[in-house]
Amino acid sequence: MSVMSLRIPEDVAETLTNLAKATGRSKSFLAVDALREYLAREAWQIEEIQKALKEADAGEFATVAEVNAVAAKWRANAD
């Protein structure tokens, strides 16, 4: 396992300390858990953007009818 030092704002450190006490987990565990979740979400978003760019480069776009159908569905659900 790698070791990393980082500086965090006091408010984040205080929140982390309080959460560690409340949950019985270590600050390290909570920080790694939060970092894992963040990295997974960011990696997913980047992957989806890259897929969308490939589709766009290939000319794969929704038709006007498909866009209108989705918009109509959202408008109907908003009421």
N, C-alpha and C. Protein backbone atom coordinates (compact mmCIF):
# COMPACT_ATOMS: atom_id res chain seq x y z
N MET A 1 0.85 -1.18 0.00
CA MET A 1 0.00 0.00 0.00
C MET A 1 0.88 1.23 0.00
N SER A 2 0.51 2.21 -0.77
CA SER A 2 1.26 3.46 -0.84
C SER A 2 0.87 4.39 0.30
N VAL A 3 1.77 5.28 0.63
CA VAL A 3 1.52 6.30 1.64
C VAL A 3 1.54 7.64 0.93
N MET A 4 0.56 8.49 1.29
CA MET A 4 0.47 9.81 0.67
C MET A 4 0.18 10.83 1.75
N SER A 5 0.86 11.94 1.71
CA SER A 5 0.57 13.04 2.62
C SER A 5 -0.12 14.14 1.83
N LEU A 6 -1.12 14.75 2.46
CA LEU A 6 -1.77 15.86 1.80
C LEU A 6 -2.27 16.86 2.82
N ARG A 7 -2.39 18.08 2.39
CA ARG A 7 -2.90 19.14 3.25
C ARG A 7 -4.38 19.30 2.97
N ILE A 8 -5.16 19.33 4.04
CA ILE A 8 -6.60 19.53 3.88
C ILE A 8 -7.03 20.71 4.75
N PRO A 9 -8.05 21.41 4.30
CA PRO A 9 -8.53 22.55 5.09
C PRO A 9 -9.01 22.09 6.48
N GLU A 10 -8.91 22.99 7.44
CA GLU A 10 -9.29 22.67 8.82
C GLU A 10 -10.72 22.16 8.92
N ASP A 11 -11.64 22.77 8.18
CA ASP A 11 -13.04 22.35 8.27
C ASP A 11 -13.22 20.91 7.79
N VAL A 12 -12.48 20.52 6.75
CA VAL A 12 -12.55 19.15 6.25
C VAL A 12 -11.94 18.20 7.28
N ALA A 13 -10.83 18.60 7.87
CA ALA A 13 -10.19 17.76 8.89
C ALA A 13 -11.11 17.57 10.09
N GLU A 14 -11.78 18.63 10.49
CA GLU A 14 -12.69 18.54 11.63
C GLU A 14 -13.88 17.63 11.31
N THR A 15 -14.44 17.78 10.14
CA THR A 15 -15.55 16.92 9.72
C THR A 15 -15.11 15.47 9.67
N LEU A 16 -13.93 15.22 9.13
CA LEU A 16 -13.39 13.87 9.05
C LEU A 16 -13.20 13.27 10.44
N THR A 17 -12.65 14.06 11.34
CA THR A 17 -12.46 13.59 12.72
C THR A 17 -13.79 13.25 13.38
N ASN A 18 -14.77 14.13 13.24
CA ASN A 18 -16.08 13.90 13.84
C ASN A 18 -16.76 12.67 13.26
N LEU A 19 -16.65 12.50 11.96
CA LEU A 19 -17.26 11.34 11.31
C LEU A 19 -16.57 10.05 11.74
N ALA A 20 -15.27 10.10 11.88
CA ALA A 20 -14.52 8.92 12.32
C ALA A 20 -14.96 8.52 13.73
N LYS A 21 -15.11 9.50 14.60
CA LYS A 21 -15.56 9.20 15.96
C LYS A 21 -16.97 8.63 15.96
N ALA A 22 -17.85 9.22 15.16
CA ALA A 22 -19.25 8.80 15.14
C ALA A 22 -19.44 7.41 14.55
N THR A 23 -18.59 7.04 13.61
CA THR A 23 -18.76 5.75 12.92
C THR A 23 -17.86 4.65 13.45
N GLY A 24 -16.88 5.03 14.27
CA GLY A 24 -15.93 4.03 14.75
C GLY A 24 -14.94 3.59 13.69
N ARG A 25 -14.83 4.36 12.65
CA ARG A 25 -13.87 4.08 11.57
C ARG A 25 -12.68 5.02 11.72
N SER A 26 -11.58 4.66 11.11
CA SER A 26 -10.42 5.55 11.15
C SER A 26 -10.58 6.66 10.11
N LYS A 27 -9.88 7.76 10.34
CA LYS A 27 -9.91 8.85 9.37
C LYS A 27 -9.34 8.36 8.04
N SER A 28 -8.33 7.52 8.10
CA SER A 28 -7.72 6.98 6.89
C SER A 28 -8.74 6.16 6.09
N PHE A 29 -9.48 5.29 6.79
CA PHE A 29 -10.50 4.48 6.11
C PHE A 29 -11.51 5.38 5.41
N LEU A 30 -12.01 6.38 6.12
CA LEU A 30 -13.03 7.27 5.54
C LEU A 30 -12.47 8.06 4.36
N ALA A 31 -11.24 8.53 4.47
CA ALA A 31 -10.63 9.30 3.38
C ALA A 31 -10.44 8.42 2.14
N VAL A 32 -9.96 7.20 2.34
CA VAL A 32 -9.77 6.29 1.20
C VAL A 32 -11.11 5.93 0.58
N ASP A 33 -12.12 5.69 1.41
CA ASP A 33 -13.46 5.37 0.90
C ASP A 33 -14.00 6.53 0.06
N ALA A 34 -13.87 7.75 0.57
CA ALA A 34 -14.35 8.92 -0.17
C ALA A 34 -13.58 9.10 -1.47
N LEU A 35 -12.28 8.89 -1.42
CA LEU A 35 -11.46 9.03 -2.61
C LEU A 35 -11.81 7.98 -3.66
N ARG A 36 -12.06 6.74 -3.21
CA ARG A 36 -12.46 5.69 -4.14
C ARG A 36 -13.77 6.05 -4.86
N GLU A 37 -14.75 6.52 -4.08
CA GLU A 37 -16.03 6.89 -4.67
C GLU A 37 -15.87 8.02 -5.67
N TYR A 38 -15.09 9.03 -5.31
CA TYR A 38 -14.85 10.16 -6.21
C TYR A 38 -14.16 9.71 -7.50
N LEU A 39 -13.12 8.91 -7.35
CA LEU A 39 -12.38 8.46 -8.53
C LEU A 39 -13.23 7.58 -9.44
N ALA A 40 -14.05 6.72 -8.86
CA ALA A 40 -14.94 5.87 -9.66
C ALA A 40 -15.93 6.72 -10.44
N ARG A 41 -16.51 7.72 -9.77
CA ARG A 41 -17.49 8.59 -10.44
C ARG A 41 -16.83 9.39 -11.56
N GLU A 42 -15.66 9.93 -11.30
CA GLU A 42 -14.96 10.71 -12.32
C GLU A 42 -14.54 9.84 -13.49
N ALA A 43 -14.04 8.63 -13.21
CA ALA A 43 -13.63 7.71 -14.29
C ALA A 43 -14.83 7.34 -15.14
N TRP A 44 -15.98 7.09 -14.49
CA TRP A 44 -17.19 6.76 -15.24
C TRP A 44 -17.58 7.92 -16.15
N GLN A 45 -17.54 9.13 -15.61
CA GLN A 45 -17.93 10.30 -16.39
C GLN A 45 -17.01 10.49 -17.60
N ILE A 46 -15.72 10.36 -17.39
CA ILE A 46 -14.76 10.50 -18.49
C ILE A 46 -15.00 9.42 -19.55
N GLU A 47 -15.25 8.20 -19.11
CA GLU A 47 -15.51 7.10 -20.05
C GLU A 47 -16.76 7.38 -20.88
N GLU A 48 -17.81 7.87 -20.24
CA GLU A 48 -19.05 8.18 -20.96
C GLU A 48 -18.84 9.32 -21.95
N ILE A 49 -18.07 10.31 -21.57
CA ILE A 49 -17.77 11.42 -22.48
C ILE A 49 -16.99 10.92 -23.68
N GLN A 50 -16.01 10.06 -23.44
CA GLN A 50 -15.21 9.53 -24.55
C GLN A 50 -16.07 8.70 -25.50
N LYS A 51 -17.00 7.90 -24.94
CA LYS A 51 -17.91 7.12 -25.79
C LYS A 51 -18.78 8.05 -26.63
N ALA A 52 -19.30 9.09 -26.00
CA ALA A 52 -20.17 10.03 -26.71
C ALA A 52 -19.40 10.75 -27.82
N LEU A 53 -18.15 11.10 -27.56
CA LEU A 53 -17.34 11.75 -28.59
C LEU A 53 -17.10 10.81 -29.78
N LYS A 54 -16.86 9.53 -29.50
CA LYS A 54 -16.68 8.56 -30.59
C LYS A 54 -17.95 8.44 -31.41
N GLU A 55 -19.11 8.39 -30.73
CA GLU A 55 -20.39 8.31 -31.44
C GLU A 55 -20.60 9.56 -32.29
N ALA A 56 -20.29 10.71 -31.73
CA ALA A 56 -20.45 11.96 -32.48
C ALA A 56 -19.51 12.00 -33.68
N ASP A 57 -18.28 11.57 -33.48
CA ASP A 57 -17.32 11.54 -34.59
C ASP A 57 -17.79 10.59 -35.70
N ALA A 58 -18.53 9.54 -35.31
CA ALA A 58 -19.04 8.58 -36.29
C ALA A 58 -20.37 9.04 -36.89
N GLY A 59 -20.85 10.21 -36.45
CA GLY A 59 -22.10 10.74 -36.99
C GLY A 59 -23.34 10.10 -36.40
N GLU A 60 -23.19 9.44 -35.25
CA GLU A 60 -24.32 8.77 -34.62
C GLU A 60 -25.05 9.74 -33.69
N PHE A 61 -26.08 10.38 -34.23
CA PHE A 61 -26.86 11.34 -33.46
C PHE A 61 -28.30 10.89 -33.39
N ALA A 62 -29.01 11.36 -32.39
CA ALA A 62 -30.44 11.08 -32.29
C ALA A 62 -31.16 11.86 -33.39
N THR A 63 -32.23 11.27 -33.89
CA THR A 63 -33.04 11.97 -34.89
C THR A 63 -33.88 13.03 -34.18
N VAL A 64 -34.43 13.94 -34.96
CA VAL A 64 -35.30 14.97 -34.40
C VAL A 64 -36.50 14.31 -33.71
N ALA A 65 -37.04 13.26 -34.31
CA ALA A 65 -38.18 12.57 -33.73
C ALA A 65 -37.82 11.94 -32.38
N GLU A 66 -36.63 11.37 -32.27
CA GLU A 66 -36.19 10.77 -31.00
C GLU A 66 -36.02 11.83 -29.92
N VAL A 67 -35.45 12.96 -30.28
CA VAL A 67 -35.27 14.05 -29.33
C VAL A 67 -36.62 14.58 -28.87
N ASN A 68 -37.54 14.76 -29.82
CA ASN A 68 -38.87 15.25 -29.48
C ASN A 68 -39.62 14.27 -28.58
N ALA A 69 -39.44 12.98 -28.81
CA ALA A 69 -40.11 11.96 -27.98
C ALA A 69 -39.59 12.02 -26.55
N VAL A 70 -38.31 12.16 -26.38
CA VAL A 70 -37.73 12.24 -25.04
C VAL A 70 -38.19 13.53 -24.35
N ALA A 71 -38.18 14.63 -25.09
CA ALA A 71 -38.62 15.91 -24.52
C ALA A 71 -40.08 15.84 -24.10
N ALA A 72 -40.91 15.21 -24.90
CA ALA A 72 -42.33 15.08 -24.57
C ALA A 72 -42.50 14.24 -23.31
N LYS A 73 -41.71 13.20 -23.18
CA LYS A 73 -41.78 12.34 -22.00
C LYS A 73 -41.42 13.13 -20.75
N TRP A 74 -40.38 13.93 -20.81
CA TRP A 74 -39.95 14.73 -19.67
C TRP A 74 -40.99 15.78 -19.33
N ARG A 75 -41.57 16.41 -20.36
CA ARG A 75 -42.61 17.40 -20.10
C ARG A 75 -43.81 16.77 -19.44
N ALA A 76 -44.20 15.58 -19.87
CA ALA A 76 -45.35 14.89 -19.30
C ALA A 76 -45.08 14.51 -17.85
N ASN A 77 -43.86 14.09 -17.55
CA ASN A 77 -43.50 13.70 -16.17
C ASN A 77 -43.35 14.89 -15.25
N ALA A 78 -43.16 16.11 -15.82
CA ALA A 78 -42.98 17.30 -15.01
C ALA A 78 -44.31 17.82 -14.46
N ASP A 79 -45.39 17.41 -15.06
CA ASP A 79 -46.70 17.92 -14.62
C ASP A 79 -47.19 17.22 -13.40
